[in-house]
Amino acid sequence: MKIVMIGGAHDFLVCHENLIAVFEKLQRKHPTPEFIALEYDKKIFEDYIVPQRNSLDACKDRNTLYSDLLSDDEIRSISACIGYDGDTHKDYFPTSEEVWLDEGATFDFRNMPCSSMVYNKLASVTEAIRTGHISRERGDLIEQYKQIEAGGLKLGHGRNIERDANWIERLEPYLTLDIDKYAFVIVGADHTREAHGLLRQRLRALGHGIEIFRTY
């Protein structure tokens, strides 16, 4: 089986934009994949992550955080990147089966500041404005912030081998050695590294061909 691994960073505007470009390329190059594996638990993704894209009330003090720094359109553009890697594929491969790699995972929302991913993303953008790293005088704020993201993305050296092992167990019922079959695996970029115990190496060890795309 040919496994197309797409590695990026969660909730990065630049990775969202580049994932769209990757899917447009794959749509021309590959048939519809047998399945698309996603680095989420389905329930957490649908019940907690997706709704944040439409939430402008992440924290009670949000107005003092960014109301005078970002327009509504800019806020919507930033919010759209939340969980982008969990459902962007539906616009290009809507009939492919989804495999949720973290199925059954638990998540303590209380450990997150304001229990909000979108709030944290907006805070990061406004901090870049306040510190002068991006400014309206230099052009489009969102495009400037994407450049900052792209410059800060580096593959890590940590190895969560246990998690990758769990993912292989999750994937095994869907894998086949039929060389004419394709599947996409969308995960954090670290898991696409060629290192012992990580997902890429484990898939190759099972006899699957690997093609890598990174969205930064």
N, C-alpha and C. Protein backbone atom coordinates (compact mmCIF):
# COMPACT_ATOMS: atom_id res chain seq x y z
N MET A 1 0.85 -1.19 0.00
CA MET A 1 0.00 0.00 0.00
C MET A 1 0.89 1.24 0.00
N LYS A 2 0.49 2.24 -0.75
CA LYS A 2 1.21 3.51 -0.76
C LYS A 2 0.60 4.42 0.31
N ILE A 3 1.44 4.82 1.27
CA ILE A 3 0.99 5.70 2.34
C ILE A 3 1.54 7.10 2.10
N VAL A 4 0.67 8.04 1.92
CA VAL A 4 1.06 9.44 1.78
C VAL A 4 0.96 10.07 3.17
N MET A 5 2.11 10.40 3.75
CA MET A 5 2.14 11.03 5.06
C MET A 5 2.25 12.54 4.89
N ILE A 6 1.36 13.26 5.54
CA ILE A 6 1.35 14.72 5.47
C ILE A 6 1.61 15.26 6.87
N GLY A 7 2.75 15.91 7.04
CA GLY A 7 3.13 16.39 8.36
C GLY A 7 3.09 17.90 8.45
N GLY A 8 2.55 18.40 9.54
CA GLY A 8 2.49 19.84 9.75
C GLY A 8 2.46 20.17 11.21
N ALA A 9 1.92 21.33 11.54
CA ALA A 9 1.77 21.76 12.92
C ALA A 9 0.31 22.12 13.15
N HIS A 10 -0.24 21.66 14.25
CA HIS A 10 -1.64 21.93 14.55
C HIS A 10 -1.90 23.43 14.68
N ASP A 11 -3.00 23.88 14.11
CA ASP A 11 -3.50 25.24 14.30
C ASP A 11 -2.55 26.32 13.78
N PHE A 12 -1.73 25.97 12.80
CA PHE A 12 -0.86 26.97 12.18
C PHE A 12 -1.52 27.47 10.90
N LEU A 13 -1.63 28.77 10.76
CA LEU A 13 -2.23 29.36 9.56
C LEU A 13 -1.47 28.96 8.31
N VAL A 14 -0.15 28.98 8.37
CA VAL A 14 0.64 28.65 7.19
C VAL A 14 0.47 27.19 6.80
N CYS A 15 0.32 26.31 7.79
CA CYS A 15 0.13 24.89 7.49
C CYS A 15 -1.26 24.62 6.92
N HIS A 16 -2.24 25.36 7.39
CA HIS A 16 -3.59 25.25 6.83
C HIS A 16 -3.56 25.62 5.35
N GLU A 17 -2.95 26.72 5.03
CA GLU A 17 -2.86 27.18 3.64
C GLU A 17 -2.12 26.16 2.78
N ASN A 18 -1.01 25.65 3.29
CA ASN A 18 -0.21 24.71 2.51
C ASN A 18 -0.86 23.34 2.39
N LEU A 19 -1.65 22.94 3.40
CA LEU A 19 -2.36 21.66 3.30
C LEU A 19 -3.36 21.71 2.15
N ILE A 20 -4.02 22.83 1.97
CA ILE A 20 -4.94 22.98 0.85
C ILE A 20 -4.19 22.78 -0.47
N ALA A 21 -3.01 23.38 -0.59
CA ALA A 21 -2.20 23.22 -1.80
C ALA A 21 -1.78 21.76 -2.00
N VAL A 22 -1.44 21.06 -0.90
CA VAL A 22 -1.07 19.65 -0.99
C VAL A 22 -2.25 18.82 -1.48
N PHE A 23 -3.43 19.06 -0.94
CA PHE A 23 -4.61 18.30 -1.36
C PHE A 23 -4.96 18.57 -2.82
N GLU A 24 -4.79 19.79 -3.26
CA GLU A 24 -5.05 20.09 -4.67
C GLU A 24 -4.10 19.31 -5.57
N LYS A 25 -2.85 19.19 -5.15
CA LYS A 25 -1.88 18.41 -5.91
C LYS A 25 -2.21 16.92 -5.86
N LEU A 26 -2.55 16.41 -4.68
CA LEU A 26 -2.87 14.99 -4.53
C LEU A 26 -4.13 14.62 -5.30
N GLN A 27 -5.08 15.54 -5.35
CA GLN A 27 -6.33 15.27 -6.06
C GLN A 27 -6.06 15.02 -7.54
N ARG A 28 -5.07 15.72 -8.09
CA ARG A 28 -4.71 15.52 -9.50
C ARG A 28 -3.87 14.27 -9.70
N LYS A 29 -3.10 13.91 -8.69
CA LYS A 29 -2.10 12.86 -8.83
C LYS A 29 -2.59 11.48 -8.43
N HIS A 30 -3.44 11.40 -7.40
CA HIS A 30 -3.83 10.12 -6.83
C HIS A 30 -5.32 9.87 -6.99
N PRO A 31 -5.71 8.60 -7.03
CA PRO A 31 -7.13 8.29 -6.93
C PRO A 31 -7.61 8.54 -5.50
N THR A 32 -8.89 8.42 -5.28
CA THR A 32 -9.43 8.60 -3.94
C THR A 32 -8.78 7.59 -2.99
N PRO A 33 -8.23 8.05 -1.87
CA PRO A 33 -7.57 7.11 -0.95
C PRO A 33 -8.54 6.17 -0.27
N GLU A 34 -8.04 5.00 0.10
CA GLU A 34 -8.87 4.02 0.81
C GLU A 34 -9.33 4.57 2.15
N PHE A 35 -8.44 5.28 2.80
CA PHE A 35 -8.80 5.92 4.07
C PHE A 35 -7.90 7.12 4.30
N ILE A 36 -8.32 7.98 5.21
CA ILE A 36 -7.52 9.12 5.64
C ILE A 36 -7.43 9.06 7.16
N ALA A 37 -6.21 8.92 7.67
CA ALA A 37 -6.00 8.83 9.12
C ALA A 37 -5.71 10.21 9.68
N LEU A 38 -6.34 10.51 10.82
CA LEU A 38 -6.30 11.85 11.40
C LEU A 38 -5.86 11.79 12.86
N GLU A 39 -5.07 12.75 13.27
CA GLU A 39 -4.49 12.74 14.62
C GLU A 39 -5.44 13.36 15.65
N TYR A 40 -6.62 12.79 15.75
CA TYR A 40 -7.62 13.29 16.70
C TYR A 40 -8.50 12.13 17.18
N ASP A 41 -9.21 12.38 18.25
CA ASP A 41 -10.36 11.56 18.63
C ASP A 41 -11.59 12.24 18.01
N LYS A 42 -12.45 11.48 17.38
CA LYS A 42 -13.58 12.05 16.63
C LYS A 42 -14.49 12.90 17.52
N LYS A 43 -14.81 12.39 18.69
CA LYS A 43 -15.72 13.11 19.57
C LYS A 43 -15.12 14.43 20.05
N ILE A 44 -13.86 14.37 20.48
CA ILE A 44 -13.19 15.60 20.92
C ILE A 44 -13.12 16.60 19.78
N PHE A 45 -12.79 16.11 18.59
CA PHE A 45 -12.67 17.01 17.44
C PHE A 45 -14.00 17.70 17.12
N GLU A 46 -15.06 16.91 17.04
CA GLU A 46 -16.35 17.47 16.63
C GLU A 46 -17.02 18.28 17.73
N ASP A 47 -16.88 17.84 18.99
CA ASP A 47 -17.60 18.50 20.08
C ASP A 47 -16.84 19.67 20.70
N TYR A 48 -15.52 19.64 20.62
CA TYR A 48 -14.73 20.66 21.31
C TYR A 48 -13.94 21.56 20.37
N ILE A 49 -13.30 20.96 19.37
CA ILE A 49 -12.39 21.74 18.52
C ILE A 49 -13.12 22.53 17.44
N VAL A 50 -13.94 21.86 16.65
CA VAL A 50 -14.61 22.54 15.53
C VAL A 50 -15.46 23.73 15.99
N PRO A 51 -16.24 23.61 17.08
CA PRO A 51 -17.07 24.75 17.49
C PRO A 51 -16.29 26.03 17.79
N GLN A 52 -15.00 25.89 18.11
CA GLN A 52 -14.22 27.08 18.44
C GLN A 52 -14.01 28.00 17.24
N ARG A 53 -14.15 27.46 16.05
CA ARG A 53 -13.96 28.31 14.86
C ARG A 53 -15.00 29.42 14.79
N ASN A 54 -16.14 29.18 15.39
CA ASN A 54 -17.22 30.18 15.36
C ASN A 54 -17.36 30.93 16.68
N SER A 55 -16.44 30.69 17.59
CA SER A 55 -16.56 31.29 18.92
C SER A 55 -15.68 32.52 19.03
N LEU A 56 -16.32 33.67 19.25
CA LEU A 56 -15.56 34.89 19.49
C LEU A 56 -15.61 35.28 20.96
N ASP A 57 -16.09 34.36 21.79
CA ASP A 57 -16.20 34.62 23.23
C ASP A 57 -15.36 33.62 24.01
N ALA A 58 -14.13 33.45 23.56
CA ALA A 58 -13.28 32.44 24.17
C ALA A 58 -13.00 32.73 25.64
N CYS A 59 -12.81 34.00 25.96
CA CYS A 59 -12.56 34.40 27.35
C CYS A 59 -13.29 35.70 27.63
N LYS A 60 -13.61 35.90 28.88
CA LYS A 60 -14.40 37.08 29.23
C LYS A 60 -13.65 38.38 28.96
N ASP A 61 -12.31 38.31 28.91
CA ASP A 61 -11.54 39.53 28.68
C ASP A 61 -11.06 39.63 27.24
N ARG A 62 -11.70 38.89 26.33
CA ARG A 62 -11.21 38.86 24.95
C ARG A 62 -11.23 40.25 24.30
N ASN A 63 -12.21 41.09 24.67
CA ASN A 63 -12.30 42.40 24.03
C ASN A 63 -11.08 43.26 24.33
N THR A 64 -10.57 43.18 25.55
CA THR A 64 -9.36 43.93 25.86
C THR A 64 -8.15 43.29 25.22
N LEU A 65 -8.29 42.02 24.85
CA LEU A 65 -7.15 41.32 24.24
C LEU A 65 -6.93 41.76 22.80
N TYR A 66 -8.00 41.77 21.99
CA TYR A 66 -7.73 41.98 20.57
C TYR A 66 -8.75 42.83 19.81
N SER A 67 -9.78 43.35 20.44
CA SER A 67 -10.82 44.03 19.66
C SER A 67 -10.28 45.24 18.90
N ASP A 68 -9.28 45.91 19.45
CA ASP A 68 -8.75 47.09 18.78
C ASP A 68 -7.57 46.77 17.87
N LEU A 69 -7.17 45.51 17.81
CA LEU A 69 -6.00 45.13 17.03
C LEU A 69 -6.34 44.32 15.78
N LEU A 70 -7.44 43.57 15.82
CA LEU A 70 -7.81 42.69 14.72
C LEU A 70 -9.24 42.97 14.27
N SER A 71 -9.45 42.94 12.97
CA SER A 71 -10.80 43.10 12.44
C SER A 71 -11.57 41.79 12.56
N ASP A 72 -12.89 41.84 12.39
CA ASP A 72 -13.69 40.62 12.43
C ASP A 72 -13.24 39.64 11.36
N ASP A 73 -12.91 40.13 10.17
CA ASP A 73 -12.45 39.24 9.10
C ASP A 73 -11.14 38.57 9.47
N GLU A 74 -10.25 39.30 10.12
CA GLU A 74 -8.97 38.72 10.54
C GLU A 74 -9.19 37.67 11.62
N ILE A 75 -10.10 37.95 12.54
CA ILE A 75 -10.42 36.97 13.59
C ILE A 75 -10.98 35.70 12.97
N ARG A 76 -11.87 35.86 12.00
CA ARG A 76 -12.44 34.67 11.34
C ARG A 76 -11.36 33.89 10.60
N SER A 77 -10.44 34.59 9.96
CA SER A 77 -9.36 33.93 9.23
C SER A 77 -8.48 33.13 10.18
N ILE A 78 -8.18 33.70 11.33
CA ILE A 78 -7.36 33.02 12.33
C ILE A 78 -8.11 31.83 12.92
N SER A 79 -9.37 32.02 13.24
CA SER A 79 -10.17 30.96 13.86
C SER A 79 -10.32 29.75 12.94
N ALA A 80 -10.29 29.98 11.62
CA ALA A 80 -10.50 28.89 10.67
C ALA A 80 -9.38 27.85 10.71
N CYS A 81 -8.22 28.23 11.26
CA CYS A 81 -7.11 27.27 11.28
C CYS A 81 -7.22 26.27 12.42
N ILE A 82 -8.14 26.50 13.35
CA ILE A 82 -8.27 25.59 14.49
C ILE A 82 -8.76 24.23 14.01
N GLY A 83 -7.94 23.21 14.23
CA GLY A 83 -8.31 21.86 13.82
C GLY A 83 -8.38 21.65 12.32
N TYR A 84 -7.71 22.52 11.55
CA TYR A 84 -7.79 22.44 10.09
C TYR A 84 -7.41 21.06 9.55
N ASP A 85 -6.46 20.39 10.22
CA ASP A 85 -5.95 19.12 9.72
C ASP A 85 -6.88 17.95 10.02
N GLY A 86 -8.04 18.24 10.64
CA GLY A 86 -9.00 17.18 10.92
C GLY A 86 -10.13 17.07 9.93
N ASP A 87 -10.33 18.11 9.09
CA ASP A 87 -11.45 18.01 8.15
C ASP A 87 -11.26 18.73 6.82
N THR A 88 -10.10 19.34 6.58
CA THR A 88 -9.87 19.98 5.28
C THR A 88 -9.99 18.98 4.15
N HIS A 89 -9.65 17.73 4.41
CA HIS A 89 -9.70 16.69 3.37
C HIS A 89 -11.09 16.50 2.78
N LYS A 90 -12.13 16.84 3.54
CA LYS A 90 -13.50 16.60 3.08
C LYS A 90 -13.83 17.40 1.82
N ASP A 91 -13.13 18.50 1.61
CA ASP A 91 -13.37 19.30 0.41
C ASP A 91 -12.76 18.66 -0.84
N TYR A 92 -11.88 17.68 -0.65
CA TYR A 92 -11.17 17.09 -1.78
C TYR A 92 -11.42 15.59 -1.92
N PHE A 93 -11.58 14.90 -0.82
CA PHE A 93 -11.81 13.46 -0.84
C PHE A 93 -12.98 13.12 0.10
N PRO A 94 -14.17 13.58 -0.23
CA PRO A 94 -15.31 13.46 0.70
C PRO A 94 -15.79 12.04 0.95
N THR A 95 -15.45 11.10 0.07
CA THR A 95 -15.97 9.73 0.22
C THR A 95 -14.99 8.80 0.92
N SER A 96 -13.79 9.27 1.22
CA SER A 96 -12.80 8.40 1.87
C SER A 96 -13.18 8.12 3.32
N GLU A 97 -12.91 6.90 3.75
CA GLU A 97 -13.16 6.55 5.15
C GLU A 97 -12.16 7.28 6.04
N GLU A 98 -12.62 7.69 7.21
CA GLU A 98 -11.77 8.36 8.17
C GLU A 98 -11.36 7.40 9.28
N VAL A 99 -10.09 7.44 9.64
CA VAL A 99 -9.57 6.66 10.76
C VAL A 99 -9.04 7.66 11.79
N TRP A 100 -9.63 7.65 12.98
CA TRP A 100 -9.26 8.61 14.02
C TRP A 100 -8.20 7.96 14.91
N LEU A 101 -6.95 8.40 14.74
CA LEU A 101 -5.82 7.74 15.39
C LEU A 101 -5.87 7.81 16.91
N ASP A 102 -6.42 8.87 17.45
CA ASP A 102 -6.48 9.03 18.91
C ASP A 102 -7.84 8.64 19.47
N GLU A 103 -8.53 7.76 18.79
CA GLU A 103 -9.87 7.35 19.24
C GLU A 103 -9.82 6.85 20.68
N GLY A 104 -10.74 7.36 21.49
CA GLY A 104 -10.79 6.95 22.89
C GLY A 104 -9.92 7.77 23.81
N ALA A 105 -9.19 8.73 23.24
CA ALA A 105 -8.32 9.57 24.08
C ALA A 105 -9.16 10.45 24.98
N THR A 106 -8.60 10.81 26.11
CA THR A 106 -9.26 11.75 27.02
C THR A 106 -8.48 13.05 27.00
N PHE A 107 -9.15 14.12 27.33
CA PHE A 107 -8.52 15.44 27.26
C PHE A 107 -9.08 16.31 28.37
N ASP A 108 -8.20 16.83 29.21
CA ASP A 108 -8.62 17.67 30.31
C ASP A 108 -8.58 19.13 29.86
N PHE A 109 -9.75 19.65 29.46
CA PHE A 109 -9.82 21.02 28.96
C PHE A 109 -9.39 22.04 30.01
N ARG A 110 -9.50 21.69 31.26
CA ARG A 110 -9.16 22.65 32.32
C ARG A 110 -7.69 22.99 32.35
N ASN A 111 -6.86 22.14 31.77
CA ASN A 111 -5.43 22.39 31.77
C ASN A 111 -5.00 23.41 30.72
N MET A 112 -5.94 23.80 29.85
CA MET A 112 -5.62 24.78 28.82
C MET A 112 -6.02 26.17 29.29
N PRO A 113 -5.19 27.18 29.05
CA PRO A 113 -5.58 28.55 29.41
C PRO A 113 -6.91 28.91 28.75
N CYS A 114 -7.86 29.29 29.57
CA CYS A 114 -9.19 29.67 29.09
C CYS A 114 -9.90 28.50 28.41
N SER A 115 -9.36 27.30 28.52
CA SER A 115 -9.94 26.13 27.85
C SER A 115 -10.19 26.42 26.38
N SER A 116 -9.33 27.17 25.75
CA SER A 116 -9.63 27.63 24.40
C SER A 116 -8.39 27.68 23.52
N MET A 117 -8.45 26.92 22.42
CA MET A 117 -7.36 26.94 21.46
C MET A 117 -7.40 28.23 20.63
N VAL A 118 -8.61 28.65 20.27
CA VAL A 118 -8.72 29.85 19.44
C VAL A 118 -8.27 31.09 20.22
N TYR A 119 -8.57 31.14 21.50
CA TYR A 119 -8.10 32.27 22.31
C TYR A 119 -6.58 32.32 22.30
N ASN A 120 -5.94 31.18 22.50
CA ASN A 120 -4.49 31.14 22.55
C ASN A 120 -3.87 31.56 21.22
N LYS A 121 -4.53 31.18 20.12
CA LYS A 121 -4.02 31.56 18.80
C LYS A 121 -4.15 33.07 18.59
N LEU A 122 -5.30 33.60 18.96
CA LEU A 122 -5.50 35.05 18.84
C LEU A 122 -4.51 35.81 19.72
N ALA A 123 -4.25 35.28 20.90
CA ALA A 123 -3.28 35.92 21.80
C ALA A 123 -1.89 35.94 21.18
N SER A 124 -1.54 34.87 20.48
CA SER A 124 -0.23 34.80 19.83
C SER A 124 -0.10 35.84 18.73
N VAL A 125 -1.16 35.99 17.94
CA VAL A 125 -1.13 36.98 16.86
C VAL A 125 -1.05 38.40 17.41
N THR A 126 -1.87 38.69 18.42
CA THR A 126 -1.86 40.05 18.97
C THR A 126 -0.54 40.36 19.68
N GLU A 127 0.07 39.35 20.26
CA GLU A 127 1.39 39.57 20.86
C GLU A 127 2.41 39.95 19.79
N ALA A 128 2.30 39.33 18.62
CA ALA A 128 3.20 39.67 17.51
C ALA A 128 2.98 41.11 17.06
N ILE A 129 1.73 41.58 17.14
CA ILE A 129 1.44 42.98 16.80
C ILE A 129 2.03 43.90 17.85
N ARG A 130 1.79 43.58 19.11
CA ARG A 130 2.24 44.45 20.20
C ARG A 130 3.76 44.58 20.26
N THR A 131 4.45 43.50 19.90
CA THR A 131 5.91 43.52 19.96
C THR A 131 6.54 44.06 18.68
N GLY A 132 5.71 44.40 17.70
CA GLY A 132 6.21 44.98 16.46
C GLY A 132 6.73 43.99 15.44
N HIS A 133 6.52 42.70 15.68
CA HIS A 133 6.97 41.71 14.70
C HIS A 133 6.12 41.74 13.43
N ILE A 134 4.87 42.16 13.57
CA ILE A 134 4.01 42.38 12.41
C ILE A 134 3.30 43.72 12.60
N SER A 135 2.97 44.37 11.51
CA SER A 135 2.27 45.66 11.62
C SER A 135 1.51 45.95 10.33
N ARG A 136 0.45 46.72 10.44
CA ARG A 136 -0.34 47.08 9.26
C ARG A 136 0.47 47.94 8.30
N GLU A 137 1.40 48.71 8.82
CA GLU A 137 2.22 49.55 7.96
C GLU A 137 3.04 48.73 6.97
N ARG A 138 3.32 47.47 7.32
CA ARG A 138 4.12 46.62 6.44
C ARG A 138 3.26 45.71 5.57
N GLY A 139 1.93 45.86 5.68
CA GLY A 139 1.07 45.07 4.81
C GLY A 139 0.10 44.18 5.57
N ASP A 140 -0.32 43.10 4.93
CA ASP A 140 -1.33 42.19 5.47
C ASP A 140 -0.82 41.51 6.75
N LEU A 141 -1.54 41.70 7.85
CA LEU A 141 -1.11 41.13 9.13
C LEU A 141 -1.06 39.61 9.09
N ILE A 142 -2.08 39.00 8.50
CA ILE A 142 -2.15 37.54 8.49
C ILE A 142 -0.99 36.94 7.69
N GLU A 143 -0.69 37.53 6.55
CA GLU A 143 0.43 37.03 5.74
C GLU A 143 1.75 37.19 6.48
N GLN A 144 1.91 38.29 7.19
CA GLN A 144 3.14 38.48 7.98
C GLN A 144 3.25 37.43 9.07
N TYR A 145 2.13 37.13 9.71
CA TYR A 145 2.16 36.15 10.80
C TYR A 145 2.48 34.75 10.26
N LYS A 146 1.98 34.43 9.07
CA LYS A 146 2.31 33.13 8.46
C LYS A 146 3.81 32.99 8.27
N GLN A 147 4.47 34.07 7.90
CA GLN A 147 5.92 34.02 7.71
C GLN A 147 6.63 33.75 9.03
N ILE A 148 6.12 34.33 10.11
CA ILE A 148 6.69 34.06 11.43
C ILE A 148 6.52 32.58 11.78
N GLU A 149 5.32 32.05 11.53
CA GLU A 149 5.07 30.63 11.80
C GLU A 149 6.03 29.76 11.02
N ALA A 150 6.16 30.03 9.72
CA ALA A 150 7.01 29.21 8.87
C ALA A 150 8.46 29.25 9.34
N GLY A 151 8.92 30.40 9.79
CA GLY A 151 10.29 30.52 10.26
C GLY A 151 10.54 29.83 11.58
N GLY A 152 9.47 29.60 12.34
CA GLY A 152 9.64 28.99 13.66
C GLY A 152 9.40 27.50 13.70
N LEU A 153 9.04 26.91 12.56
CA LEU A 153 8.74 25.47 12.53
C LEU A 153 10.01 24.66 12.35
N LYS A 154 10.27 23.80 13.32
CA LYS A 154 11.42 22.90 13.24
C LYS A 154 10.99 21.53 13.74
N LEU A 155 11.54 20.49 13.14
CA LEU A 155 11.26 19.15 13.62
C LEU A 155 11.92 18.97 14.98
N GLY A 156 11.18 18.39 15.91
CA GLY A 156 11.71 18.15 17.24
C GLY A 156 12.53 16.88 17.30
N HIS A 157 13.06 16.61 18.47
CA HIS A 157 13.87 15.40 18.65
C HIS A 157 13.24 14.45 19.65
N GLY A 158 12.11 14.85 20.24
CA GLY A 158 11.43 13.96 21.16
C GLY A 158 10.73 12.84 20.41
N ARG A 159 10.60 11.70 21.04
CA ARG A 159 9.96 10.56 20.39
C ARG A 159 8.91 9.98 21.31
N ASN A 160 7.66 10.18 20.97
CA ASN A 160 6.58 9.56 21.72
C ASN A 160 6.28 8.21 21.09
N ILE A 161 7.20 7.27 21.28
CA ILE A 161 7.13 5.99 20.59
C ILE A 161 5.87 5.22 20.97
N GLU A 162 5.45 5.32 22.21
CA GLU A 162 4.26 4.60 22.65
C GLU A 162 3.03 5.06 21.87
N ARG A 163 2.94 6.34 21.65
CA ARG A 163 1.80 6.86 20.89
C ARG A 163 1.82 6.35 19.45
N ASP A 164 2.99 6.36 18.82
CA ASP A 164 3.11 5.85 17.46
C ASP A 164 2.77 4.37 17.39
N ALA A 165 3.15 3.62 18.41
CA ALA A 165 2.81 2.20 18.46
C ALA A 165 1.30 2.01 18.55
N ASN A 166 0.64 2.85 19.32
CA ASN A 166 -0.82 2.78 19.41
C ASN A 166 -1.47 3.10 18.07
N TRP A 167 -0.88 4.03 17.36
CA TRP A 167 -1.43 4.40 16.05
C TRP A 167 -1.33 3.24 15.07
N ILE A 168 -0.22 2.52 15.11
CA ILE A 168 -0.07 1.38 14.21
C ILE A 168 -1.14 0.33 14.49
N GLU A 169 -1.41 0.08 15.76
CA GLU A 169 -2.48 -0.87 16.11
C GLU A 169 -3.82 -0.38 15.58
N ARG A 170 -4.02 0.91 15.65
CA ARG A 170 -5.28 1.48 15.15
C ARG A 170 -5.38 1.35 13.63
N LEU A 171 -4.26 1.46 12.95
CA LEU A 171 -4.25 1.44 11.49
C LEU A 171 -4.28 0.03 10.89
N GLU A 172 -3.75 -0.93 11.62
CA GLU A 172 -3.54 -2.27 11.04
C GLU A 172 -4.78 -2.87 10.37
N PRO A 173 -5.99 -2.73 10.92
CA PRO A 173 -7.15 -3.32 10.24
C PRO A 173 -7.44 -2.69 8.88
N TYR A 174 -6.89 -1.52 8.62
CA TYR A 174 -7.18 -0.81 7.37
C TYR A 174 -6.06 -0.95 6.34
N LEU A 175 -4.91 -1.44 6.76
CA LEU A 175 -3.76 -1.53 5.88
C LEU A 175 -3.82 -2.78 5.00
N THR A 176 -3.29 -2.66 3.81
CA THR A 176 -3.21 -3.78 2.89
C THR A 176 -1.89 -3.70 2.13
N LEU A 177 -1.37 -4.83 1.70
CA LEU A 177 -0.13 -4.84 0.93
C LEU A 177 -0.39 -4.72 -0.57
N ASP A 178 -1.61 -4.45 -0.95
CA ASP A 178 -1.96 -4.22 -2.36
C ASP A 178 -1.28 -2.92 -2.81
N ILE A 179 -0.35 -3.03 -3.75
CA ILE A 179 0.45 -1.86 -4.15
C ILE A 179 -0.36 -0.84 -4.95
N ASP A 180 -1.56 -1.19 -5.35
CA ASP A 180 -2.40 -0.26 -6.11
C ASP A 180 -3.30 0.57 -5.20
N LYS A 181 -3.23 0.34 -3.91
CA LYS A 181 -4.08 1.06 -2.96
C LYS A 181 -3.31 2.23 -2.33
N TYR A 182 -4.05 3.30 -2.04
CA TYR A 182 -3.47 4.49 -1.42
C TYR A 182 -4.19 4.82 -0.13
N ALA A 183 -3.46 5.47 0.77
CA ALA A 183 -4.07 6.02 1.99
C ALA A 183 -3.28 7.25 2.39
N PHE A 184 -3.94 8.17 3.07
CA PHE A 184 -3.29 9.38 3.57
C PHE A 184 -3.26 9.34 5.09
N VAL A 185 -2.15 9.76 5.66
CA VAL A 185 -1.99 9.86 7.12
C VAL A 185 -1.57 11.29 7.43
N ILE A 186 -2.42 12.02 8.16
CA ILE A 186 -2.17 13.43 8.45
C ILE A 186 -1.83 13.57 9.93
N VAL A 187 -0.58 13.88 10.22
CA VAL A 187 -0.10 13.91 11.60
C VAL A 187 0.86 15.08 11.80
N GLY A 188 1.27 15.29 13.04
CA GLY A 188 2.30 16.28 13.32
C GLY A 188 3.59 15.90 12.61
N ALA A 189 4.34 16.91 12.17
CA ALA A 189 5.51 16.66 11.33
C ALA A 189 6.54 15.74 11.99
N ASP A 190 6.67 15.79 13.31
CA ASP A 190 7.65 14.93 13.98
C ASP A 190 7.43 13.46 13.68
N HIS A 191 6.19 13.07 13.52
CA HIS A 191 5.88 11.65 13.28
C HIS A 191 6.22 11.21 11.86
N THR A 192 6.57 12.16 11.00
CA THR A 192 6.96 11.80 9.63
C THR A 192 8.47 11.67 9.49
N ARG A 193 9.19 11.84 10.59
CA ARG A 193 10.64 11.69 10.53
C ARG A 193 11.02 10.22 10.37
N GLU A 194 12.17 10.01 9.74
CA GLU A 194 12.72 8.66 9.60
C GLU A 194 13.54 8.36 10.84
N ALA A 195 12.87 7.90 11.89
CA ALA A 195 13.54 7.60 13.15
C ALA A 195 12.90 6.36 13.76
N HIS A 196 13.70 5.58 14.44
CA HIS A 196 13.23 4.31 14.99
C HIS A 196 12.05 4.53 15.94
N GLY A 197 11.00 3.75 15.73
CA GLY A 197 9.85 3.77 16.61
C GLY A 197 8.77 4.74 16.21
N LEU A 198 9.08 5.68 15.32
CA LEU A 198 8.07 6.64 14.90
C LEU A 198 7.21 6.06 13.77
N LEU A 199 6.10 6.71 13.52
CA LEU A 199 5.09 6.14 12.63
C LEU A 199 5.63 5.84 11.24
N ARG A 200 6.41 6.73 10.69
CA ARG A 200 6.96 6.50 9.34
C ARG A 200 7.76 5.21 9.28
N GLN A 201 8.65 5.03 10.26
CA GLN A 201 9.48 3.82 10.28
C GLN A 201 8.64 2.57 10.48
N ARG A 202 7.63 2.66 11.32
CA ARG A 202 6.78 1.50 11.60
C ARG A 202 5.97 1.09 10.36
N LEU A 203 5.48 2.06 9.62
CA LEU A 203 4.74 1.75 8.40
C LEU A 203 5.65 1.13 7.35
N ARG A 204 6.85 1.66 7.22
CA ARG A 204 7.80 1.10 6.26
C ARG A 204 8.18 -0.33 6.64
N ALA A 205 8.33 -0.58 7.94
CA ALA A 205 8.69 -1.92 8.40
C ALA A 205 7.61 -2.95 8.07
N LEU A 206 6.38 -2.49 7.93
CA LEU A 206 5.28 -3.38 7.57
C LEU A 206 5.18 -3.60 6.06
N GLY A 207 6.07 -2.98 5.31
CA GLY A 207 6.12 -3.21 3.87
C GLY A 207 5.41 -2.19 3.01
N HIS A 208 5.07 -1.05 3.58
CA HIS A 208 4.33 -0.04 2.83
C HIS A 208 5.27 1.02 2.25
N GLY A 209 4.94 1.47 1.04
CA GLY A 209 5.68 2.57 0.44
C GLY A 209 5.25 3.88 1.08
N ILE A 210 6.20 4.79 1.26
CA ILE A 210 5.92 6.05 1.95
C ILE A 210 6.26 7.23 1.05
N GLU A 211 5.34 8.17 0.97
CA GLU A 211 5.59 9.45 0.31
C GLU A 211 5.31 10.54 1.35
N ILE A 212 6.22 11.50 1.45
CA ILE A 212 6.13 12.52 2.50
C ILE A 212 5.83 13.89 1.90
N PHE A 213 4.86 14.57 2.52
CA PHE A 213 4.61 15.98 2.26
C PHE A 213 4.66 16.69 3.61
N ARG A 214 5.28 17.88 3.64
CA ARG A 214 5.25 18.69 4.85
C ARG A 214 4.67 20.05 4.50
N THR A 215 3.85 20.57 5.40
CA THR A 215 3.08 21.77 5.07
C THR A 215 3.71 23.05 5.60
N TYR A 216 5.05 23.13 5.55
CA TYR A 216 5.74 24.35 5.95
C TYR A 216 7.04 24.47 5.19
